[in-house]
Each structure stands twice: as structure tokens, then as C-alpha cells.
Amino acid sequence: MVAKSRRKIRSKTVRSMLTWAHYRFKLILKHQAAKRGCVVLDVGESHTSKTCGACGHRHAQLGGAKIHKCPHCGSQTPRDANGARNIMLRALRDSSFTVSNDGIAIVTVRALSINVQEY
């Protein structure tokens, strides 16, 4: 969860989210995103913690280490941050995207073509 001082949801909502099954959470997230005109992309997370986000080398003997130390390029990244980065990179690789006119937001082409009523 996000640190209490930085989150924008109430404690009751956080407690109820902790009881949800992963699949149900994903359905609710997709439904809420569709109501707001957004799209949630499903991305496979296999080997994302073991793969170096800098060079792409897969570290076979990572074990339970909290820091991902790449033997190939020497980069050191917290394991969770490395996995999150790799999931983001995989989502960008697997979907078509374009940068908006202001150069800041990434808008998926898939998101623009999906009918929100499908959800």
C-alpha cells in the first residue's frame, strides 16, 4: 500500500481492498477505469524481478535478495522497483502507443479504439 500520508483513499477502503481476491480486484479496477475512460492493460509478470531493467540480462540465481545486482552490467536496483519497471517496459513493448501533443502523457492507441461500454 501507499504510505498513509500520500494516499488519496480512506482507511476503510484500504481495509476492504486487502480482503479482495486478486481477480476480483482486477475486475473492479478495470470497471472503474472504464467509467473514467481509461484502460487497464494485463501484463504477464513472469521473470520481471529477475530481469535487469538496464540491460535485459536475466539473473537466474537471484534467490530472496531484496536488491537486484546485475552480474552483466553491474546495475543495482531494489528488486520491487526493478520488477515494476520491467512490467511497465513490457506493457509499452506489447501495446501500440503514441506520445500526446504536449509531449507528456502516453496515450495507448488501443485505449482510443476500445468502446468503454464493453466493460
PDB file of N, CA and C in Angstrom:
ATOM      1  N   MET A   1       0.832  -1.188   0.000  1.00  0.00           N
ATOM      2  CA  MET A   1       0.000   0.000   0.000  1.00  0.00           C
ATOM      3  C   MET A   1       0.869   1.242   0.000  1.00  0.00           C
ATOM      4  N   VAL A   2       0.298   2.331  -0.357  1.00  0.00           N
ATOM      5  CA  VAL A   2       0.981   3.618  -0.372  1.00  0.00           C
ATOM      6  C   VAL A   2       1.011   4.170   1.041  1.00  0.00           C
ATOM      7  N   ALA A   3       2.066   4.895   1.378  1.00  0.00           N
ATOM      8  CA  ALA A   3       2.179   5.492   2.702  1.00  0.00           C
ATOM      9  C   ALA A   3       0.924   6.299   3.007  1.00  0.00           C
ATOM     10  N   LYS A   4       0.467   6.226   4.267  1.00  0.00           N
ATOM     11  CA  LYS A   4      -0.795   6.836   4.655  1.00  0.00           C
ATOM     12  C   LYS A   4      -0.849   8.330   4.338  1.00  0.00           C
ATOM     13  N   SER A   5       0.248   9.032   4.512  1.00  0.00           N
ATOM     14  CA  SER A   5       0.245  10.479   4.276  1.00  0.00           C
ATOM     15  C   SER A   5       0.086  10.832   2.795  1.00  0.00           C
ATOM     16  N   ARG A   6       0.428   9.910   1.895  1.00  0.00           N
ATOM     17  CA  ARG A   6       0.382  10.203   0.456  1.00  0.00           C
ATOM     18  C   ARG A   6      -0.831   9.618  -0.253  1.00  0.00           C
ATOM     19  N   ARG A   7      -1.594   8.766   0.370  1.00  0.00           N
ATOM     20  CA  ARG A   7      -2.686   8.133  -0.362  1.00  0.00           C
ATOM     21  C   ARG A   7      -3.943   8.993  -0.345  1.00  0.00           C
ATOM     22  N   LYS A   8      -4.790   8.742  -1.325  1.00  0.00           N
ATOM     23  CA  LYS A   8      -5.986   9.557  -1.506  1.00  0.00           C
ATOM     24  C   LYS A   8      -7.259   8.764  -1.251  1.00  0.00           C
ATOM     25  N   ILE A   9      -7.144   7.646  -0.548  1.00  0.00           N
ATOM     26  CA  ILE A   9      -8.314   6.843  -0.216  1.00  0.00           C
ATOM     27  C   ILE A   9      -8.376   6.667   1.290  1.00  0.00           C
ATOM     28  N   ARG A  10      -9.550   6.382   1.773  1.00  0.00           N
ATOM     29  CA  ARG A  10      -9.753   6.271   3.221  1.00  0.00           C
ATOM     30  C   ARG A  10      -9.302   4.911   3.752  1.00  0.00           C
ATOM     31  N   SER A  11      -9.080   4.861   5.066  1.00  0.00           N
ATOM     32  CA  SER A  11      -8.629   3.624   5.718  1.00  0.00           C
ATOM     33  C   SER A  11      -9.620   2.488   5.513  1.00  0.00           C
ATOM     34  N   LYS A  12     -10.915   2.801   5.538  1.00  0.00           N
ATOM     35  CA  LYS A  12     -11.937   1.771   5.346  1.00  0.00           C
ATOM     36  C   LYS A  12     -11.810   1.137   3.957  1.00  0.00           C
ATOM     37  N   THR A  13     -11.531   1.948   2.958  1.00  0.00           N
ATOM     38  CA  THR A  13     -11.345   1.437   1.596  1.00  0.00           C
ATOM     39  C   THR A  13     -10.116   0.543   1.520  1.00  0.00           C
ATOM     40  N   VAL A  14      -9.039   0.959   2.174  1.00  0.00           N
ATOM     41  CA  VAL A  14      -7.811   0.158   2.185  1.00  0.00           C
ATOM     42  C   VAL A  14      -8.070  -1.189   2.843  1.00  0.00           C
ATOM     43  N   ARG A  15      -8.767  -1.198   3.984  1.00  0.00           N
ATOM     44  CA  ARG A  15      -9.071  -2.462   4.675  1.00  0.00           C
ATOM     45  C   ARG A  15      -9.909  -3.378   3.796  1.00  0.00           C
ATOM     46  N   SER A  16     -10.895  -2.813   3.091  1.00  0.00           N
ATOM     47  CA  SER A  16     -11.730  -3.666   2.240  1.00  0.00           C
ATOM     48  C   SER A  16     -10.941  -4.201   1.048  1.00  0.00           C
ATOM     49  N   MET A  17     -10.007  -3.409   0.522  1.00  0.00           N
ATOM     50  CA  MET A  17      -9.190  -3.875  -0.601  1.00  0.00           C
ATOM     51  C   MET A  17      -8.297  -5.043  -0.203  1.00  0.00           C
ATOM     52  N   LEU A  18      -7.849  -5.076   1.042  1.00  0.00           N
ATOM     53  CA  LEU A  18      -6.978  -6.158   1.494  1.00  0.00           C
ATOM     54  C   LEU A  18      -7.699  -7.500   1.538  1.00  0.00           C
ATOM     55  N   THR A  19      -9.026  -7.484   1.578  1.00  0.00           N
ATOM     56  CA  THR A  19      -9.785  -8.734   1.627  1.00  0.00           C
ATOM     57  C   THR A  19     -10.174  -9.245   0.240  1.00  0.00           C
ATOM     58  N   TRP A  20      -9.974  -8.454  -0.795  1.00  0.00           N
ATOM     59  CA  TRP A  20     -10.362  -8.854  -2.142  1.00  0.00           C
ATOM     60  C   TRP A  20      -9.402  -9.888  -2.709  1.00  0.00           C
ATOM     61  N   ALA A  21      -9.937 -10.796  -3.462  1.00  0.00           N
ATOM     62  CA  ALA A  21      -9.098 -11.718  -4.218  1.00  0.00           C
ATOM     63  C   ALA A  21      -8.483 -10.938  -5.385  1.00  0.00           C
ATOM     64  N   HIS A  22      -7.355 -11.400  -5.874  1.00  0.00           N
ATOM     65  CA  HIS A  22      -6.642 -10.683  -6.935  1.00  0.00           C
ATOM     66  C   HIS A  22      -7.510 -10.508  -8.184  1.00  0.00           C
ATOM     67  N   TYR A  23      -8.207 -11.549  -8.594  1.00  0.00           N
ATOM     68  CA  TYR A  23      -9.036 -11.471  -9.803  1.00  0.00           C
ATOM     69  C   TYR A  23     -10.164 -10.458  -9.624  1.00  0.00           C
ATOM     70  N   ARG A  24     -10.792 -10.483  -8.459  1.00  0.00           N
ATOM     71  CA  ARG A  24     -11.887  -9.539  -8.197  1.00  0.00           C
ATOM     72  C   ARG A  24     -11.363  -8.105  -8.200  1.00  0.00           C
ATOM     73  N   PHE A  25     -10.195  -7.903  -7.599  1.00  0.00           N
ATOM     74  CA  PHE A  25      -9.588  -6.576  -7.600  1.00  0.00           C
ATOM     75  C   PHE A  25      -9.354  -6.096  -9.030  1.00  0.00           C
ATOM     76  N   LYS A  26      -8.866  -6.999  -9.882  1.00  0.00           N
ATOM     77  CA  LYS A  26      -8.597  -6.647 -11.277  1.00  0.00           C
ATOM     78  C   LYS A  26      -9.892  -6.273 -12.002  1.00  0.00           C
ATOM     79  N   LEU A  27     -10.972  -7.007 -11.749  1.00  0.00           N
ATOM     80  CA  LEU A  27     -12.256  -6.688 -12.373  1.00  0.00           C
ATOM     81  C   LEU A  27     -12.761  -5.317 -11.939  1.00  0.00           C
ATOM     82  N   ILE A  28     -12.670  -5.044 -10.642  1.00  0.00           N
ATOM     83  CA  ILE A  28     -13.129  -3.753 -10.124  1.00  0.00           C
ATOM     84  C   ILE A  28     -12.272  -2.626 -10.683  1.00  0.00           C
ATOM     85  N   LEU A  29     -10.962  -2.846 -10.743  1.00  0.00           N
ATOM     86  CA  LEU A  29     -10.058  -1.838 -11.294  1.00  0.00           C
ATOM     87  C   LEU A  29     -10.394  -1.544 -12.755  1.00  0.00           C
ATOM     88  N   LYS A  30     -10.637  -2.590 -13.546  1.00  0.00           N
ATOM     89  CA  LYS A  30     -10.987  -2.399 -14.955  1.00  0.00           C
ATOM     90  C   LYS A  30     -12.323  -1.676 -15.102  1.00  0.00           C
ATOM     91  N   HIS A  31     -13.281  -2.020 -14.258  1.00  0.00           N
ATOM     92  CA  HIS A  31     -14.596  -1.376 -14.310  1.00  0.00           C
ATOM     93  C   HIS A  31     -14.479   0.116 -13.989  1.00  0.00           C
ATOM     94  N   GLN A  32     -13.750   0.441 -12.912  1.00  0.00           N
ATOM     95  CA  GLN A  32     -13.586   1.842 -12.523  1.00  0.00           C
ATOM     96  C   GLN A  32     -12.809   2.624 -13.584  1.00  0.00           C
ATOM     97  N   ALA A  33     -11.812   1.991 -14.174  1.00  0.00           N
ATOM     98  CA  ALA A  33     -11.039   2.655 -15.229  1.00  0.00           C
ATOM     99  C   ALA A  33     -11.925   2.936 -16.438  1.00  0.00           C
ATOM    100  N   ALA A  34     -12.768   1.975 -16.802  1.00  0.00           N
ATOM    101  CA  ALA A  34     -13.660   2.154 -17.947  1.00  0.00           C
ATOM    102  C   ALA A  34     -14.653   3.291 -17.700  1.00  0.00           C
ATOM    103  N   LYS A  35     -15.134   3.423 -16.461  1.00  0.00           N
ATOM    104  CA  LYS A  35     -16.049   4.516 -16.127  1.00  0.00           C
ATOM    105  C   LYS A  35     -15.385   5.874 -16.318  1.00  0.00           C
ATOM    106  N   ARG A  36     -14.075   5.909 -16.166  1.00  0.00           N
ATOM    107  CA  ARG A  36     -13.332   7.165 -16.294  1.00  0.00           C
ATOM    108  C   ARG A  36     -12.661   7.317 -17.663  1.00  0.00           C
ATOM    109  N   GLY A  37     -12.945   6.376 -18.568  1.00  0.00           N
ATOM    110  CA  GLY A  37     -12.391   6.462 -19.910  1.00  0.00           C
ATOM    111  C   GLY A  37     -10.957   5.985 -20.017  1.00  0.00           C
ATOM    112  N   CYS A  38     -10.506   5.191 -19.055  1.00  0.00           N
ATOM    113  CA  CYS A  38      -9.140   4.659 -19.060  1.00  0.00           C
ATOM    114  C   CYS A  38      -9.175   3.168 -19.367  1.00  0.00           C
ATOM    115  N   VAL A  39      -8.024   2.613 -19.652  1.00  0.00           N
ATOM    116  CA  VAL A  39      -7.909   1.186 -19.931  1.00  0.00           C
ATOM    117  C   VAL A  39      -6.804   0.604 -19.065  1.00  0.00           C
ATOM    118  N   VAL A  40      -7.051  -0.569 -18.501  1.00  0.00           N
ATOM    119  CA  VAL A  40      -6.046  -1.297 -17.730  1.00  0.00           C
ATOM    120  C   VAL A  40      -5.497  -2.393 -18.632  1.00  0.00           C
ATOM    121  N   LEU A  41      -4.188  -2.433 -18.793  1.00  0.00           N
ATOM    122  CA  LEU A  41      -3.556  -3.464 -19.615  1.00  0.00           C
ATOM    123  C   LEU A  41      -3.115  -4.625 -18.744  1.00  0.00           C
ATOM    124  N   ASP A  42      -3.427  -5.846 -19.156  1.00  0.00           N
ATOM    125  CA  ASP A  42      -2.934  -7.040 -18.469  1.00  0.00           C
ATOM    126  C   ASP A  42      -1.536  -7.340 -18.992  1.00  0.00           C
ATOM    127  N   VAL A  43      -0.583  -7.437 -18.083  1.00  0.00           N
ATOM    128  CA  VAL A  43       0.803  -7.693 -18.467  1.00  0.00           C
ATOM    129  C   VAL A  43       1.302  -8.885 -17.667  1.00  0.00           C
ATOM    130  N   GLY A  44       1.885  -9.867 -18.345  1.00  0.00           N
ATOM    131  CA  GLY A  44       2.473 -11.009 -17.659  1.00  0.00           C
ATOM    132  C   GLY A  44       3.674 -10.569 -16.838  1.00  0.00           C
ATOM    133  N   GLU A  45       3.770 -11.060 -15.621  1.00  0.00           N
ATOM    134  CA  GLU A  45       4.851 -10.611 -14.740  1.00  0.00           C
ATOM    135  C   GLU A  45       5.965 -11.642 -14.583  1.00  0.00           C
ATOM    136  N   SER A  46       5.971 -12.672 -15.403  1.00  0.00           N
ATOM    137  CA  SER A  46       6.985 -13.712 -15.252  1.00  0.00           C
ATOM    138  C   SER A  46       8.390 -13.166 -15.495  1.00  0.00           C
ATOM    139  N   HIS A  47       9.274 -13.470 -14.593  1.00  0.00           N
ATOM    140  CA  HIS A  47      10.698 -13.115 -14.642  1.00  0.00           C
ATOM    141  C   HIS A  47      10.976 -11.615 -14.631  1.00  0.00           C
ATOM    142  N   THR A  48      10.016 -10.789 -14.226  1.00  0.00           N
ATOM    143  CA  THR A  48      10.260  -9.348 -14.235  1.00  0.00           C
ATOM    144  C   THR A  48      11.192  -8.924 -13.112  1.00  0.00           C
ATOM    145  N   SER A  49      11.203  -9.631 -11.990  1.00  0.00           N
ATOM    146  CA  SER A  49      12.133  -9.291 -10.907  1.00  0.00           C
ATOM    147  C   SER A  49      13.538  -9.796 -11.201  1.00  0.00           C
ATOM    148  N   LYS A  50      13.647 -10.854 -11.999  1.00  0.00           N
ATOM    149  CA  LYS A  50      14.954 -11.451 -12.299  1.00  0.00           C
ATOM    150  C   LYS A  50      15.652 -10.802 -13.489  1.00  0.00           C
ATOM    151  N   THR A  51      14.911 -10.053 -14.299  1.00  0.00           N
ATOM    152  CA  THR A  51      15.479  -9.446 -15.497  1.00  0.00           C
ATOM    153  C   THR A  51      15.977  -8.044 -15.181  1.00  0.00           C
ATOM    154  N   CYS A  52      17.177  -7.732 -15.614  1.00  0.00           N
ATOM    155  CA  CYS A  52      17.762  -6.409 -15.383  1.00  0.00           C
ATOM    156  C   CYS A  52      17.018  -5.374 -16.222  1.00  0.00           C
ATOM    157  N   GLY A  53      16.553  -4.312 -15.575  1.00  0.00           N
ATOM    158  CA  GLY A  53      15.845  -3.254 -16.285  1.00  0.00           C
ATOM    159  C   GLY A  53      16.757  -2.396 -17.139  1.00  0.00           C
ATOM    160  N   ALA A  54      18.066  -2.458 -16.889  1.00  0.00           N
ATOM    161  CA  ALA A  54      19.014  -1.638 -17.645  1.00  0.00           C
ATOM    162  C   ALA A  54      19.495  -2.334 -18.916  1.00  0.00           C
ATOM    163  N   CYS A  55      19.856  -3.629 -18.800  1.00  0.00           N
ATOM    164  CA  CYS A  55      20.445  -4.302 -19.964  1.00  0.00           C
ATOM    165  C   CYS A  55      19.628  -5.492 -20.472  1.00  0.00           C
ATOM    166  N   GLY A  56      18.633  -5.967 -19.704  1.00  0.00           N
ATOM    167  CA  GLY A  56      17.797  -7.077 -20.143  1.00  0.00           C
ATOM    168  C   GLY A  56      18.320  -8.454 -19.790  1.00  0.00           C
ATOM    169  N   HIS A  57      19.466  -8.538 -19.096  1.00  0.00           N
ATOM    170  CA  HIS A  57      20.038  -9.825 -18.706  1.00  0.00           C
ATOM    171  C   HIS A  57      19.172 -10.463 -17.617  1.00  0.00           C
ATOM    172  N   ARG A  58      18.892 -11.780 -17.742  1.00  0.00           N
ATOM    173  CA  ARG A  58      18.108 -12.491 -16.726  1.00  0.00           C
ATOM    174  C   ARG A  58      19.055 -13.137 -15.728  1.00  0.00           C
ATOM    175  N   HIS A  59      18.883 -12.778 -14.463  1.00  0.00           N
ATOM    176  CA  HIS A  59      19.718 -13.265 -13.367  1.00  0.00           C
ATOM    177  C   HIS A  59      19.057 -14.517 -12.789  1.00  0.00           C
ATOM    178  N   ALA A  60      19.601 -15.692 -13.074  1.00  0.00           N
ATOM    179  CA  ALA A  60      18.977 -16.958 -12.689  1.00  0.00           C
ATOM    180  C   ALA A  60      19.029 -17.221 -11.185  1.00  0.00           C
ATOM    181  N   GLN A  61      20.100 -16.851 -10.501  1.00  0.00           N
ATOM    182  CA  GLN A  61      20.277 -17.140  -9.084  1.00  0.00           C
ATOM    183  C   GLN A  61      20.002 -15.918  -8.202  1.00  0.00           C
ATOM    184  N   LEU A  62      18.903 -15.259  -8.400  1.00  0.00           N
ATOM    185  CA  LEU A  62      18.583 -14.077  -7.604  1.00  0.00           C
ATOM    186  C   LEU A  62      18.201 -14.450  -6.180  1.00  0.00           C
ATOM    187  N   GLY A  63      17.515 -15.574  -6.007  1.00  0.00           N
ATOM    188  CA  GLY A  63      17.122 -16.016  -4.670  1.00  0.00           C
ATOM    189  C   GLY A  63      16.163 -15.042  -4.019  1.00  0.00           C
ATOM    190  N   GLY A  64      16.362 -14.801  -2.712  1.00  0.00           N
ATOM    191  CA  GLY A  64      15.485 -13.899  -1.971  1.00  0.00           C
ATOM    192  C   GLY A  64      16.080 -12.528  -1.775  1.00  0.00           C
ATOM    193  N   ALA A  65      17.065 -12.169  -2.568  1.00  0.00           N
ATOM    194  CA  ALA A  65      17.738 -10.876  -2.418  1.00  0.00           C
ATOM    195  C   ALA A  65      16.761  -9.726  -2.641  1.00  0.00           C
ATOM    196  N   LYS A  66      16.854  -8.704  -1.804  1.00  0.00           N
ATOM    197  CA  LYS A  66      15.993  -7.530  -1.927  1.00  0.00           C
ATOM    198  C   LYS A  66      16.519  -6.544  -2.970  1.00  0.00           C
ATOM    199  N   ILE A  67      17.800  -6.654  -3.301  1.00  0.00           N
ATOM    200  CA  ILE A  67      18.424  -5.782  -4.295  1.00  0.00           C
ATOM    201  C   ILE A  67      18.804  -6.625  -5.507  1.00  0.00           C
ATOM    202  N   HIS A  68      18.406  -6.180  -6.690  1.00  0.00           N
ATOM    203  CA  HIS A  68      18.792  -6.866  -7.922  1.00  0.00           C
ATOM    204  C   HIS A  68      20.149  -6.316  -8.348  1.00  0.00           C
ATOM    205  N   LYS A  69      21.179  -7.159  -8.287  1.00  0.00           N
ATOM    206  CA  LYS A  69      22.528  -6.780  -8.710  1.00  0.00           C
ATOM    207  C   LYS A  69      22.829  -7.544  -9.985  1.00  0.00           C
ATOM    208  N   CYS A  70      22.892  -6.837 -11.083  1.00  0.00           N
ATOM    209  CA  CYS A  70      23.103  -7.479 -12.384  1.00  0.00           C
ATOM    210  C   CYS A  70      24.569  -7.861 -12.551  1.00  0.00           C
ATOM    211  N   PRO A  71      24.853  -9.163 -12.763  1.00  0.00           N
ATOM    212  CA  PRO A  71      26.235  -9.579 -12.987  1.00  0.00           C
ATOM    213  C   PRO A  71      26.754  -9.165 -14.372  1.00  0.00           C
ATOM    214  N   HIS A  72      25.846  -8.826 -15.268  1.00  0.00           N
ATOM    215  CA  HIS A  72      26.228  -8.473 -16.639  1.00  0.00           C
ATOM    216  C   HIS A  72      26.658  -7.009 -16.767  1.00  0.00           C
ATOM    217  N   CYS A  73      25.835  -6.076 -16.250  1.00  0.00           N
ATOM    218  CA  CYS A  73      26.152  -4.646 -16.414  1.00  0.00           C
ATOM    219  C   CYS A  73      26.510  -3.955 -15.103  1.00  0.00           C
ATOM    220  N   GLY A  74      26.280  -4.637 -13.958  1.00  0.00           N
ATOM    221  CA  GLY A  74      26.651  -4.075 -12.664  1.00  0.00           C
ATOM    222  C   GLY A  74      25.627  -3.143 -12.038  1.00  0.00           C
ATOM    223  N   SER A  75      24.470  -2.934 -12.660  1.00  0.00           N
ATOM    224  CA  SER A  75      23.474  -2.031 -12.072  1.00  0.00           C
ATOM    225  C   SER A  75      22.863  -2.665 -10.826  1.00  0.00           C
ATOM    226  N   GLN A  76      22.514  -1.827  -9.853  1.00  0.00           N
ATOM    227  CA  GLN A  76      21.890  -2.281  -8.613  1.00  0.00           C
ATOM    228  C   GLN A  76      20.588  -1.515  -8.424  1.00  0.00           C
ATOM    229  N   THR A  77      19.490  -2.263  -8.301  1.00  0.00           N
ATOM    230  CA  THR A  77      18.162  -1.674  -8.177  1.00  0.00           C
ATOM    231  C   THR A  77      17.373  -2.472  -7.150  1.00  0.00           C
ATOM    232  N   PRO A  78      16.550  -1.810  -6.305  1.00  0.00           N
ATOM    233  CA  PRO A  78      15.659  -2.579  -5.431  1.00  0.00           C
ATOM    234  C   PRO A  78      14.805  -3.527  -6.280  1.00  0.00           C
ATOM    235  N   ARG A  79      14.664  -4.747  -5.800  1.00  0.00           N
ATOM    236  CA  ARG A  79      14.009  -5.791  -6.590  1.00  0.00           C
ATOM    237  C   ARG A  79      12.596  -5.405  -7.020  1.00  0.00           C
ATOM    238  N   ASP A  80      11.801  -4.830  -6.110  1.00  0.00           N
ATOM    239  CA  ASP A  80      10.429  -4.456  -6.449  1.00  0.00           C
ATOM    240  C   ASP A  80      10.392  -3.348  -7.497  1.00  0.00           C
ATOM    241  N   ALA A  81      11.273  -2.365  -7.363  1.00  0.00           N
ATOM    242  CA  ALA A  81      11.325  -1.270  -8.340  1.00  0.00           C
ATOM    243  C   ALA A  81      11.762  -1.798  -9.705  1.00  0.00           C
ATOM    244  N   ASN A  82      12.711  -2.722  -9.699  1.00  0.00           N
ATOM    245  CA  ASN A  82      13.170  -3.329 -10.946  1.00  0.00           C
ATOM    246  C   ASN A  82      12.030  -4.098 -11.617  1.00  0.00           C
ATOM    247  N   GLY A  83      11.280  -4.875 -10.827  1.00  0.00           N
ATOM    248  CA  GLY A  83      10.154  -5.624 -11.378  1.00  0.00           C
ATOM    249  C   GLY A  83       9.069  -4.709 -11.924  1.00  0.00           C
ATOM    250  N   ALA A  84       8.763  -3.626 -11.189  1.00  0.00           N
ATOM    251  CA  ALA A  84       7.745  -2.674 -11.644  1.00  0.00           C
ATOM    252  C   ALA A  84       8.172  -2.006 -12.948  1.00  0.00           C
ATOM    253  N   ARG A  85       9.443  -1.649 -13.036  1.00  0.00           N
ATOM    254  CA  ARG A  85       9.964  -1.028 -14.268  1.00  0.00           C
ATOM    255  C   ARG A  85       9.851  -2.000 -15.439  1.00  0.00           C
ATOM    256  N   ASN A  86      10.192  -3.267 -15.200  1.00  0.00           N
ATOM    257  CA  ASN A  86      10.123  -4.257 -16.272  1.00  0.00           C
ATOM    258  C   ASN A  86       8.689  -4.522 -16.713  1.00  0.00           C
ATOM    259  N   ILE A  87       7.738  -4.481 -15.770  1.00  0.00           N
ATOM    260  CA  ILE A  87       6.329  -4.642 -16.134  1.00  0.00           C
ATOM    261  C   ILE A  87       5.886  -3.470 -17.005  1.00  0.00           C
ATOM    262  N   MET A  88       6.301  -2.244 -16.631  1.00  0.00           N
ATOM    263  CA  MET A  88       5.964  -1.073 -17.444  1.00  0.00           C
ATOM    264  C   MET A  88       6.574  -1.183 -18.844  1.00  0.00           C
ATOM    265  N   LEU A  89       7.842  -1.589 -18.911  1.00  0.00           N
ATOM    266  CA  LEU A  89       8.500  -1.729 -20.213  1.00  0.00           C
ATOM    267  C   LEU A  89       7.820  -2.793 -21.065  1.00  0.00           C
ATOM    268  N   ARG A  90       7.392  -3.878 -20.425  1.00  0.00           N
ATOM    269  CA  ARG A  90       6.700  -4.944 -21.158  1.00  0.00           C
ATOM    270  C   ARG A  90       5.354  -4.448 -21.684  1.00  0.00           C
ATOM    271  N   ALA A  91       4.642  -3.655 -20.875  1.00  0.00           N
ATOM    272  CA  ALA A  91       3.354  -3.107 -21.321  1.00  0.00           C
ATOM    273  C   ALA A  91       3.550  -2.182 -22.515  1.00  0.00           C
ATOM    274  N   LEU A  92       4.592  -1.361 -22.469  1.00  0.00           N
ATOM    275  CA  LEU A  92       4.866  -0.457 -23.588  1.00  0.00           C
ATOM    276  C   LEU A  92       5.288  -1.223 -24.836  1.00  0.00           C
ATOM    277  N   ARG A  93       6.053  -2.294 -24.634  1.00  0.00           N
ATOM    278  CA  ARG A  93       6.505  -3.099 -25.771  1.00  0.00           C
ATOM    279  C   ARG A  93       5.337  -3.835 -26.424  1.00  0.00           C
ATOM    280  N   ASP A  94       4.415  -4.337 -25.604  1.00  0.00           N
ATOM    281  CA  ASP A  94       3.329  -5.173 -26.110  1.00  0.00           C
ATOM    282  C   ASP A  94       2.142  -4.387 -26.660  1.00  0.00           C
ATOM    283  N   SER A  95       2.103  -3.079 -26.457  1.00  0.00           N
ATOM    284  CA  SER A  95       0.965  -2.303 -26.941  1.00  0.00           C
ATOM    285  C   SER A  95       1.442  -1.180 -27.848  1.00  0.00           C
ATOM    286  N   SER A  96       0.545  -0.742 -28.681  1.00  0.00           N
ATOM    287  CA  SER A  96       0.852   0.403 -29.536  1.00  0.00           C
ATOM    288  C   SER A  96       0.629   1.659 -28.713  1.00  0.00           C
ATOM    289  N   PHE A  97       1.516   2.611 -28.841  1.00  0.00           N
ATOM    290  CA  PHE A  97       1.330   3.843 -28.090  1.00  0.00           C
ATOM    291  C   PHE A  97       1.866   5.020 -28.875  1.00  0.00           C
ATOM    292  N   THR A  98       1.419   6.170 -28.445  1.00  0.00           N
ATOM    293  CA  THR A  98       1.894   7.414 -29.047  1.00  0.00           C
ATOM    294  C   THR A  98       2.001   8.457 -27.952  1.00  0.00           C
ATOM    295  N   VAL A  99       2.855   9.409 -28.115  1.00  0.00           N
ATOM    296  CA  VAL A  99       3.001  10.481 -27.135  1.00  0.00           C
ATOM    297  C   VAL A  99       2.040  11.591 -27.517  1.00  0.00           C
ATOM    298  N   SER A 100       1.353  12.159 -26.514  1.00  0.00           N
ATOM    299  CA  SER A 100       0.371  13.209 -26.787  1.00  0.00           C
ATOM    300  C   SER A 100       1.048  14.483 -27.286  1.00  0.00           C
ATOM    301  N   ASN A 101       0.258  15.424 -27.752  1.00  0.00           N
ATOM    302  CA  ASN A 101       0.783  16.665 -28.330  1.00  0.00           C
ATOM    303  C   ASN A 101       1.638  17.468 -27.360  1.00  0.00           C
ATOM    304  N   ASP A 102       1.316  17.424 -26.064  1.00  0.00           N
ATOM    305  CA  ASP A 102       2.110  18.178 -25.093  1.00  0.00           C
ATOM    306  C   ASP A 102       3.410  17.466 -24.734  1.00  0.00           C
ATOM    307  N   GLY A 103       3.580  16.238 -25.225  1.00  0.00           N
ATOM    308  CA  GLY A 103       4.822  15.509 -25.002  1.00  0.00           C
ATOM    309  C   GLY A 103       4.935  14.861 -23.650  1.00  0.00           C
ATOM    310  N   ILE A 104       3.862  14.856 -22.867  1.00  0.00           N
ATOM    311  CA  ILE A 104       3.946  14.329 -21.507  1.00  0.00           C
ATOM    312  C   ILE A 104       3.224  12.989 -21.378  1.00  0.00           C
ATOM    313  N   ALA A 105       1.955  12.959 -21.713  1.00  0.00           N
ATOM    314  CA  ALA A 105       1.148  11.767 -21.474  1.00  0.00           C
ATOM    315  C   ALA A 105       1.361  10.735 -22.574  1.00  0.00           C
ATOM    316  N   ILE A 106       1.338   9.472 -22.179  1.00  0.00           N
ATOM    317  CA  ILE A 106       1.377   8.382 -23.149  1.00  0.00           C
ATOM    318  C   ILE A 106      -0.052   7.892 -23.314  1.00  0.00           C
ATOM    319  N   VAL A 107      -0.561   7.923 -24.524  1.00  0.00           N
ATOM    320  CA  VAL A 107      -1.924   7.508 -24.808  1.00  0.00           C
ATOM    321  C   VAL A 107      -1.846   6.255 -25.652  1.00  0.00           C
ATOM    322  N   THR A 108      -2.426   5.153 -25.173  1.00  0.00           N
ATOM    323  CA  THR A 108      -2.366   3.940 -25.968  1.00  0.00           C
ATOM    324  C   THR A 108      -3.365   4.027 -27.104  1.00  0.00           C
ATOM    325  N   VAL A 109      -2.948   3.591 -28.256  1.00  0.00           N
ATOM    326  CA  VAL A 109      -3.837   3.561 -29.413  1.00  0.00           C
ATOM    327  C   VAL A 109      -4.982   2.608 -29.129  1.00  0.00           C
ATOM    328  N   ARG A 110      -4.676   1.508 -28.429  1.00  0.00           N
ATOM    329  CA  ARG A 110      -5.700   0.536 -28.056  1.00  0.00           C
ATOM    330  C   ARG A 110      -6.766   1.200 -27.189  1.00  0.00           C
ATOM    331  N   ALA A 111      -6.349   2.074 -26.269  1.00  0.00           N
ATOM    332  CA  ALA A 111      -7.291   2.742 -25.377  1.00  0.00           C
ATOM    333  C   ALA A 111      -8.242   3.642 -26.154  1.00  0.00           C
ATOM    334  N   LEU A 112      -7.758   4.253 -27.218  1.00  0.00           N
ATOM    335  CA  LEU A 112      -8.595   5.147 -28.002  1.00  0.00           C
ATOM    336  C   LEU A 112      -9.610   4.391 -28.843  1.00  0.00           C
ATOM    337  N   SER A 113      -9.337   3.130 -29.161  1.00  0.00           N
ATOM    338  CA  SER A 113     -10.219   2.382 -30.051  1.00  0.00           C
ATOM    339  C   SER A 113     -11.186   1.460 -29.319  1.00  0.00           C
ATOM    340  N   ILE A 114     -11.038   1.307 -28.008  1.00  0.00           N
ATOM    341  CA  ILE A 114     -11.920   0.406 -27.261  1.00  0.00           C
ATOM    342  C   ILE A 114     -13.199   1.134 -26.879  1.00  0.00           C
ATOM    343  N   ASN A 115     -14.319   0.479 -27.074  1.00  0.00           N
ATOM    344  CA  ASN A 115     -15.598   1.020 -26.662  1.00  0.00           C
ATOM    345  C   ASN A 115     -15.732   0.831 -25.156  1.00  0.00           C
ATOM    346  N   VAL A 116     -15.930   1.902 -24.422  1.00  0.00           N
ATOM    347  CA  VAL A 116     -15.998   1.843 -22.963  1.00  0.00           C
ATOM    348  C   VAL A 116     -17.159   0.969 -22.508  1.00  0.00           C
ATOM    349  N   GLN A 117     -18.217   0.856 -23.287  1.00  0.00           N
ATOM    350  CA  GLN A 117     -19.378   0.069 -22.900  1.00  0.00           C
ATOM    351  C   GLN A 117     -19.097  -1.432 -22.854  1.00  0.00           C
ATOM    352  N   GLU A 118     -17.941  -1.883 -23.368  1.00  0.00           N
ATOM    353  CA  GLU A 118     -17.617  -3.313 -23.357  1.00  0.00           C
ATOM    354  C   GLU A 118     -17.450  -3.839 -21.944  1.00  0.00           C
ATOM    355  N   TYR A 119     -17.097  -2.985 -21.014  1.00  0.00           N
ATOM    356  CA  TYR A 119     -16.845  -3.427 -19.642  1.00  0.00           C
ATOM    357  C   TYR A 119     -18.116  -3.449 -18.897  1.00  0.00           C
TER     358      TYR A 119
END
